[in-house]
Amino acid sequence: MIAMIKSLAGMDKNDRRKPQTGKMTIKTDQSRHEVDVYTAGSTAGELMRCFDRQQEAT
């Protein structure tokens, strides 16, 4: 799942150690969401955070 999201966000899906930042757009019938994606390696594997920029502004 993380590899698919990283690919959609324009990130290197094979690099799990260094922090990465990417952006993607999710479109539905009624709305469009700009999502910021952040990843970082950890001792447990890989961490991912996704933020909807529209919800941050409100």
PDB file of N, CA and C in Angstrom:
ATOM      1  N   MET A   1       0.828  -1.181   0.000  1.00  0.00           N
ATOM      2  CA  MET A   1       0.000   0.000   0.000  1.00  0.00           C
ATOM      3  C   MET A   1       0.881   1.256   0.000  1.00  0.00           C
ATOM      4  N   ILE A   2       1.920   1.270   0.830  1.00  0.00           N
ATOM      5  CA  ILE A   2       2.813   2.429   0.884  1.00  0.00           C
ATOM      6  C   ILE A   2       3.504   2.633  -0.457  1.00  0.00           C
ATOM      7  N   ALA A   3       3.946   1.561  -1.089  1.00  0.00           N
ATOM      8  CA  ALA A   3       4.626   1.685  -2.381  1.00  0.00           C
ATOM      9  C   ALA A   3       3.701   2.277  -3.436  1.00  0.00           C
ATOM     10  N   MET A   4       2.437   1.916  -3.427  1.00  0.00           N
ATOM     11  CA  MET A   4       1.496   2.453  -4.403  1.00  0.00           C
ATOM     12  C   MET A   4       1.277   3.948  -4.188  1.00  0.00           C
ATOM     13  N   ILE A   5       1.091   4.368  -2.947  1.00  0.00           N
ATOM     14  CA  ILE A   5       0.887   5.789  -2.649  1.00  0.00           C
ATOM     15  C   ILE A   5       2.137   6.591  -2.982  1.00  0.00           C
ATOM     16  N   LYS A   6       3.314   6.047  -2.654  1.00  0.00           N
ATOM     17  CA  LYS A   6       4.556   6.738  -2.993  1.00  0.00           C
ATOM     18  C   LYS A   6       4.695   6.920  -4.499  1.00  0.00           C
ATOM     19  N   SER A   7       4.325   5.921  -5.262  1.00  0.00           N
ATOM     20  CA  SER A   7       4.394   6.011  -6.711  1.00  0.00           C
ATOM     21  C   SER A   7       3.443   7.083  -7.238  1.00  0.00           C
ATOM     22  N   LEU A   8       2.221   7.131  -6.716  1.00  0.00           N
ATOM     23  CA  LEU A   8       1.248   8.138  -7.121  1.00  0.00           C
ATOM     24  C   LEU A   8       1.696   9.553  -6.759  1.00  0.00           C
ATOM     25  N   ALA A   9       2.469   9.682  -5.681  1.00  0.00           N
ATOM     26  CA  ALA A   9       2.939  10.995  -5.214  1.00  0.00           C
ATOM     27  C   ALA A   9       4.260  11.398  -5.858  1.00  0.00           C
ATOM     28  N   GLY A  10       4.782  10.582  -6.782  1.00  0.00           N
ATOM     29  CA  GLY A  10       6.018  10.928  -7.476  1.00  0.00           C
ATOM     30  C   GLY A  10       7.269  10.712  -6.650  1.00  0.00           C
ATOM     31  N   MET A  11       7.225   9.776  -5.729  1.00  0.00           N
ATOM     32  CA  MET A  11       8.359   9.488  -4.856  1.00  0.00           C
ATOM     33  C   MET A  11       9.032   8.185  -5.294  1.00  0.00           C
ATOM     34  N   ASP A  12      10.263   7.966  -4.826  1.00  0.00           N
ATOM     35  CA  ASP A  12      10.995   6.734  -5.130  1.00  0.00           C
ATOM     36  C   ASP A  12      10.489   5.633  -4.197  1.00  0.00           C
ATOM     37  N   LYS A  13       9.744   4.679  -4.747  1.00  0.00           N
ATOM     38  CA  LYS A  13       9.133   3.650  -3.898  1.00  0.00           C
ATOM     39  C   LYS A  13      10.144   2.637  -3.360  1.00  0.00           C
ATOM     40  N   ASN A  14      11.336   2.569  -3.959  1.00  0.00           N
ATOM     41  CA  ASN A  14      12.342   1.613  -3.500  1.00  0.00           C
ATOM     42  C   ASN A  14      13.197   2.142  -2.355  1.00  0.00           C
ATOM     43  N   ASP A  15      13.226   3.450  -2.151  1.00  0.00           N
ATOM     44  CA  ASP A  15      14.040   4.034  -1.082  1.00  0.00           C
ATOM     45  C   ASP A  15      13.202   4.136   0.185  1.00  0.00           C
ATOM     46  N   ARG A  16      13.527   3.301   1.167  1.00  0.00           N
ATOM     47  CA  ARG A  16      12.746   3.263   2.407  1.00  0.00           C
ATOM     48  C   ARG A  16      13.466   3.911   3.581  1.00  0.00           C
ATOM     49  N   ARG A  17      14.717   4.311   3.395  1.00  0.00           N
ATOM     50  CA  ARG A  17      15.490   4.819   4.521  1.00  0.00           C
ATOM     51  C   ARG A  17      15.448   6.334   4.685  1.00  0.00           C
ATOM     52  N   LYS A  18      15.620   7.073   3.587  1.00  0.00           N
ATOM     53  CA  LYS A  18      15.694   8.526   3.743  1.00  0.00           C
ATOM     54  C   LYS A  18      14.299   9.155   3.666  1.00  0.00           C
ATOM     55  N   PRO A  19      14.102  10.281   4.338  1.00  0.00           N
ATOM     56  CA  PRO A  19      12.802  10.972   4.282  1.00  0.00           C
ATOM     57  C   PRO A  19      12.510  11.478   2.874  1.00  0.00           C
ATOM     58  N   GLN A  20      11.241  11.395   2.478  1.00  0.00           N
ATOM     59  CA  GLN A  20      10.810  11.868   1.168  1.00  0.00           C
ATOM     60  C   GLN A  20       9.523  12.667   1.311  1.00  0.00           C
ATOM     61  N   THR A  21       9.314  13.567   0.359  1.00  0.00           N
ATOM     62  CA  THR A  21       8.106  14.379   0.315  1.00  0.00           C
ATOM     63  C   THR A  21       7.534  14.320  -1.095  1.00  0.00           C
ATOM     64  N   GLY A  22       6.224  14.194  -1.202  1.00  0.00           N
ATOM     65  CA  GLY A  22       5.571  14.179  -2.505  1.00  0.00           C
ATOM     66  C   GLY A  22       4.173  14.770  -2.419  1.00  0.00           C
ATOM     67  N   LYS A  23       3.552  14.958  -3.567  1.00  0.00           N
ATOM     68  CA  LYS A  23       2.203  15.512  -3.635  1.00  0.00           C
ATOM     69  C   LYS A  23       1.400  14.737  -4.659  1.00  0.00           C
ATOM     70  N   MET A  24       0.099  14.618  -4.396  1.00  0.00           N
ATOM     71  CA  MET A  24      -0.791  13.985  -5.355  1.00  0.00           C
ATOM     72  C   MET A  24      -2.174  14.612  -5.242  1.00  0.00           C
ATOM     73  N   THR A  25      -2.988  14.404  -6.275  1.00  0.00           N
ATOM     74  CA  THR A  25      -4.355  14.913  -6.310  1.00  0.00           C
ATOM     75  C   THR A  25      -5.316  13.740  -6.348  1.00  0.00           C
ATOM     76  N   ILE A  26      -6.330  13.803  -5.495  1.00  0.00           N
ATOM     77  CA  ILE A  26      -7.382  12.793  -5.471  1.00  0.00           C
ATOM     78  C   ILE A  26      -8.664  13.471  -5.926  1.00  0.00           C
ATOM     79  N   LYS A  27      -9.248  12.938  -7.006  1.00  0.00           N
ATOM     80  CA  LYS A  27     -10.471  13.519  -7.561  1.00  0.00           C
ATOM     81  C   LYS A  27     -11.632  12.571  -7.346  1.00  0.00           C
ATOM     82  N   THR A  28     -12.757  13.124  -6.888  1.00  0.00           N
ATOM     83  CA  THR A  28     -14.008  12.385  -6.785  1.00  0.00           C
ATOM     84  C   THR A  28     -15.048  13.128  -7.628  1.00  0.00           C
ATOM     85  N   ASP A  29     -16.267  12.634  -7.658  1.00  0.00           N
ATOM     86  CA  ASP A  29     -17.320  13.300  -8.431  1.00  0.00           C
ATOM     87  C   ASP A  29     -17.600  14.712  -7.917  1.00  0.00           C
ATOM     88  N   GLN A  30     -17.545  14.892  -6.601  1.00  0.00           N
ATOM     89  CA  GLN A  30     -17.916  16.176  -6.015  1.00  0.00           C
ATOM     90  C   GLN A  30     -16.743  17.044  -5.584  1.00  0.00           C
ATOM     91  N   SER A  31     -15.541  16.503  -5.488  1.00  0.00           N
ATOM     92  CA  SER A  31     -14.449  17.308  -4.940  1.00  0.00           C
ATOM     93  C   SER A  31     -13.090  16.892  -5.498  1.00  0.00           C
ATOM     94  N   ARG A  32     -12.123  17.716  -5.181  1.00  0.00           N
ATOM     95  CA  ARG A  32     -10.737  17.473  -5.566  1.00  0.00           C
ATOM     96  C   ARG A  32      -9.873  17.783  -4.349  1.00  0.00           C
ATOM     97  N   HIS A  33      -8.972  16.878  -4.002  1.00  0.00           N
ATOM     98  CA  HIS A  33      -8.143  17.044  -2.816  1.00  0.00           C
ATOM     99  C   HIS A  33      -6.667  17.014  -3.196  1.00  0.00           C
ATOM    100  N   GLU A  34      -5.943  18.036  -2.775  1.00  0.00           N
ATOM    101  CA  GLU A  34      -4.495  18.080  -2.915  1.00  0.00           C
ATOM    102  C   GLU A  34      -3.917  17.474  -1.635  1.00  0.00           C
ATOM    103  N   VAL A  35      -3.114  16.433  -1.780  1.00  0.00           N
ATOM    104  CA  VAL A  35      -2.597  15.704  -0.621  1.00  0.00           C
ATOM    105  C   VAL A  35      -1.077  15.761  -0.607  1.00  0.00           C
ATOM    106  N   ASP A  36      -0.514  16.162   0.538  1.00  0.00           N
ATOM    107  CA  ASP A  36       0.928  16.121   0.754  1.00  0.00           C
ATOM    108  C   ASP A  36       1.255  14.785   1.409  1.00  0.00           C
ATOM    109  N   VAL A  37       2.295  14.111   0.911  1.00  0.00           N
ATOM    110  CA  VAL A  37       2.688  12.798   1.423  1.00  0.00           C
ATOM    111  C   VAL A  37       4.121  12.878   1.944  1.00  0.00           C
ATOM    112  N   TYR A  38       4.327  12.419   3.159  1.00  0.00           N
ATOM    113  CA  TYR A  38       5.648  12.405   3.783  1.00  0.00           C
ATOM    114  C   TYR A  38       5.974  10.989   4.240  1.00  0.00           C
ATOM    115  N   THR A  39       7.192  10.519   3.967  1.00  0.00           N
ATOM    116  CA  THR A  39       7.620   9.202   4.441  1.00  0.00           C
ATOM    117  C   THR A  39       8.972   9.319   5.130  1.00  0.00           C
ATOM    118  N   ALA A  40       9.235   8.374   6.004  1.00  0.00           N
ATOM    119  CA  ALA A  40      10.525   8.297   6.685  1.00  0.00           C
ATOM    120  C   ALA A  40      10.743   6.856   7.132  1.00  0.00           C
ATOM    121  N   GLY A  41      11.982   6.432   7.106  1.00  0.00           N
ATOM    122  CA  GLY A  41      12.309   5.095   7.590  1.00  0.00           C
ATOM    123  C   GLY A  41      12.260   5.053   9.108  1.00  0.00           C
ATOM    124  N   SER A  42      11.983   3.901   9.648  1.00  0.00           N
ATOM    125  CA  SER A  42      11.976   3.718  11.105  1.00  0.00           C
ATOM    126  C   SER A  42      12.477   2.317  11.426  1.00  0.00           C
ATOM    127  N   THR A  43      12.695   2.059  12.696  1.00  0.00           N
ATOM    128  CA  THR A  43      13.146   0.729  13.103  1.00  0.00           C
ATOM    129  C   THR A  43      12.063  -0.323  12.856  1.00  0.00           C
ATOM    130  N   ALA A  44      10.801   0.113  12.750  1.00  0.00           N
ATOM    131  CA  ALA A  44       9.689  -0.810  12.518  1.00  0.00           C
ATOM    132  C   ALA A  44       9.371  -0.955  11.033  1.00  0.00           C
ATOM    133  N   GLY A  45      10.094  -0.267  10.163  1.00  0.00           N
ATOM    134  CA  GLY A  45       9.836  -0.342   8.722  1.00  0.00           C
ATOM    135  C   GLY A  45       9.812   1.036   8.106  1.00  0.00           C
ATOM    136  N   GLU A  46       8.643   1.504   7.714  1.00  0.00           N
ATOM    137  CA  GLU A  46       8.496   2.806   7.070  1.00  0.00           C
ATOM    138  C   GLU A  46       7.239   3.495   7.584  1.00  0.00           C
ATOM    139  N   LEU A  47       7.351   4.786   7.863  1.00  0.00           N
ATOM    140  CA  LEU A  47       6.214   5.577   8.319  1.00  0.00           C
ATOM    141  C   LEU A  47       5.737   6.478   7.197  1.00  0.00           C
ATOM    142  N   MET A  48       4.428   6.681   7.108  1.00  0.00           N
ATOM    143  CA  MET A  48       3.867   7.568   6.095  1.00  0.00           C
ATOM    144  C   MET A  48       2.818   8.457   6.734  1.00  0.00           C
ATOM    145  N   ARG A  49       2.845   9.739   6.339  1.00  0.00           N
ATOM    146  CA  ARG A  49       1.822  10.688   6.761  1.00  0.00           C
ATOM    147  C   ARG A  49       1.254  11.342   5.515  1.00  0.00           C
ATOM    148  N   CYS A  50      -0.068  11.483   5.473  1.00  0.00           N
ATOM    149  CA  CYS A  50      -0.743  12.134   4.359  1.00  0.00           C
ATOM    150  C   CYS A  50      -1.612  13.251   4.923  1.00  0.00           C
ATOM    151  N   PHE A  51      -1.488  14.449   4.334  1.00  0.00           N
ATOM    152  CA  PHE A  51      -2.230  15.606   4.792  1.00  0.00           C
ATOM    153  C   PHE A  51      -3.031  16.199   3.646  1.00  0.00           C
ATOM    154  N   ASP A  52      -4.318  16.413   3.870  1.00  0.00           N
ATOM    155  CA  ASP A  52      -5.184  17.082   2.907  1.00  0.00           C
ATOM    156  C   ASP A  52      -5.002  18.587   3.117  1.00  0.00           C
ATOM    157  N   ARG A  53      -4.450  19.273   2.119  1.00  0.00           N
ATOM    158  CA  ARG A  53      -4.163  20.699   2.254  1.00  0.00           C
ATOM    159  C   ARG A  53      -5.405  21.541   2.421  1.00  0.00           C
ATOM    160  N   GLN A  54      -6.557  21.112   1.898  1.00  0.00           N
ATOM    161  CA  GLN A  54      -7.790  21.869   2.068  1.00  0.00           C
ATOM    162  C   GLN A  54      -8.253  21.856   3.512  1.00  0.00           C
ATOM    163  N   GLN A  55      -8.112  20.745   4.196  1.00  0.00           N
ATOM    164  CA  GLN A  55      -8.552  20.665   5.584  1.00  0.00           C
ATOM    165  C   GLN A  55      -7.603  21.420   6.511  1.00  0.00           C
ATOM    166  N   GLU A  56      -6.325  21.539   6.144  1.00  0.00           N
ATOM    167  CA  GLU A  56      -5.380  22.296   6.957  1.00  0.00           C
ATOM    168  C   GLU A  56      -5.719  23.777   6.959  1.00  0.00           C
ATOM    169  N   ALA A  57      -6.268  24.287   5.849  1.00  0.00           N
ATOM    170  CA  ALA A  57      -6.576  25.712   5.718  1.00  0.00           C
ATOM    171  C   ALA A  57      -7.794  26.111   6.543  1.00  0.00           C
ATOM    172  N   THR A  58      -8.670  25.161   6.877  1.00  0.00           N
ATOM    173  CA  THR A  58      -9.873  25.499   7.628  1.00  0.00           C
ATOM    174  C   THR A  58      -9.655  25.394   9.108  1.00  0.00           C
TER     175      THR A  58
END
